[in-house]
Amino acid sequence: MIYDVHDLNFIKKSFIIYEGKTERILIYRKVGESSFHYEFACPKCGYKNDYLGMLESKKIKEGGKNKEYYIVKCQKCGTDFRVEKLKPGKKHG
């Protein structure tokens, strides 16, 4: 779906990887809604996910650094995938 950027208050475009397969994912929330929209093809089973849900995040220690991920789940096979949550850059000024 295509929306005007002014209709959205959150958007995250990224990739999910499973056993060497990479799929694009889009997570967004429209202004005035509390649920997030998830659109992606599951790299494990191929199911075309398009659903509403809450945005869950999880902190995981990797390589001595704490990283934060959004957790998304395939609605058909139930596999959880991690999408890295990037922190905003530091402002210089």
Protein backbone atom coordinates (compact mmCIF):
# COMPACT_ATOMS: atom_id res chain seq x y z
CA MET A 1 0.00 0.00 0.00
CA ILE A 2 1.06 3.53 -0.65
CA TYR A 3 0.39 6.28 1.88
CA ASP A 4 1.32 9.92 2.06
CA VAL A 5 4.18 10.27 4.54
CA HIS A 6 2.06 12.82 6.43
CA ASP A 7 -0.48 10.04 7.17
CA LEU A 8 2.18 8.04 9.05
CA ASN A 9 3.78 8.66 12.42
CA PHE A 10 6.18 5.68 12.23
CA ILE A 11 7.82 3.84 9.34
CA LYS A 12 10.62 1.27 9.30
CA LYS A 13 11.87 -0.35 6.10
CA SER A 14 14.40 -3.10 6.59
CA PHE A 15 15.31 -6.71 5.83
CA ILE A 16 14.89 -10.01 7.62
CA ILE A 17 17.28 -12.88 6.99
CA TYR A 18 16.66 -16.59 7.57
CA GLU A 19 19.16 -19.29 6.55
CA GLY A 20 20.62 -17.13 3.79
CA LYS A 21 17.24 -15.94 2.45
CA THR A 22 16.59 -12.20 2.64
CA GLU A 23 13.17 -10.55 2.49
CA ARG A 24 12.12 -6.91 2.74
CA ILE A 25 9.90 -5.84 5.60
CA LEU A 26 7.82 -2.73 6.10
CA ILE A 27 6.53 -1.73 9.54
CA TYR A 28 4.41 1.40 9.80
CA ARG A 29 1.72 3.08 11.90
CA LYS A 30 -0.84 5.55 10.64
CA VAL A 31 -1.56 8.75 12.53
CA GLY A 32 -4.27 8.12 15.14
CA GLU A 33 -3.79 4.32 15.24
CA SER A 34 -2.29 2.37 18.11
CA SER A 35 -1.43 -0.79 16.14
CA PHE A 36 1.41 -1.22 13.67
CA HIS A 37 1.09 -2.67 10.15
CA TYR A 38 3.53 -5.44 9.17
CA GLU A 39 4.14 -6.36 5.53
CA PHE A 40 6.70 -9.01 4.58
CA ALA A 41 7.12 -12.38 2.92
CA CYS A 42 8.33 -14.98 5.41
CA PRO A 43 11.81 -16.12 4.39
CA LYS A 44 11.15 -19.51 6.03
CA CYS A 45 7.76 -20.53 4.58
CA GLY A 46 7.09 -17.87 1.92
CA TYR A 47 3.77 -16.69 3.42
CA LYS A 48 2.86 -13.10 2.51
CA ASN A 49 2.27 -11.47 5.90
CA ASP A 50 0.09 -8.36 6.10
CA TYR A 51 -1.24 -7.86 9.62
CA LEU A 52 -1.76 -5.43 12.51
CA GLY A 53 -0.07 -5.83 15.88
CA MET A 54 1.84 -4.19 18.67
CA LEU A 55 5.52 -3.33 18.22
CA GLU A 56 7.61 -5.54 20.49
CA SER A 57 11.30 -4.85 21.05
CA LYS A 58 13.98 -6.86 22.79
CA LYS A 59 17.53 -6.02 23.93
CA ILE A 60 20.17 -8.64 23.10
CA LYS A 61 23.88 -8.59 23.89
CA GLU A 62 25.94 -9.39 20.79
CA GLY A 63 29.69 -9.09 20.44
CA GLY A 64 29.93 -7.27 23.76
CA LYS A 65 27.41 -4.63 22.70
CA ASN A 66 23.76 -4.27 23.61
CA LYS A 67 21.54 -4.13 20.53
CA GLU A 68 17.82 -3.58 20.37
CA TYR A 69 15.59 -5.43 17.92
CA TYR A 70 11.96 -5.32 16.89
CA ILE A 71 10.47 -8.81 16.99
CA VAL A 72 8.14 -9.79 14.13
CA LYS A 73 6.34 -13.11 13.75
CA CYS A 74 5.12 -14.96 10.68
CA GLN A 75 1.37 -15.46 11.00
CA LYS A 76 1.52 -18.88 9.26
CA CYS A 77 4.58 -20.75 10.58
CA GLY A 78 5.04 -18.75 13.82
CA THR A 79 8.75 -18.08 13.30
CA ASP A 80 10.09 -15.00 15.11
CA PHE A 81 12.45 -12.67 13.25
CA ARG A 82 14.56 -9.79 14.52
CA VAL A 83 14.74 -6.40 12.82
CA GLU A 84 17.50 -4.19 14.16
CA LYS A 85 16.28 -1.02 15.82
CA LEU A 86 18.68 1.77 14.98
CA LYS A 87 19.12 4.59 17.44
CA PRO A 88 18.93 8.17 16.17
CA GLY A 89 22.29 9.72 15.44
CA LYS A 90 23.84 12.27 17.77
CA LYS A 91 23.23 15.86 16.84
CA HIS A 92 26.23 18.06 16.35
CA GLY A 93 25.88 21.72 16.76
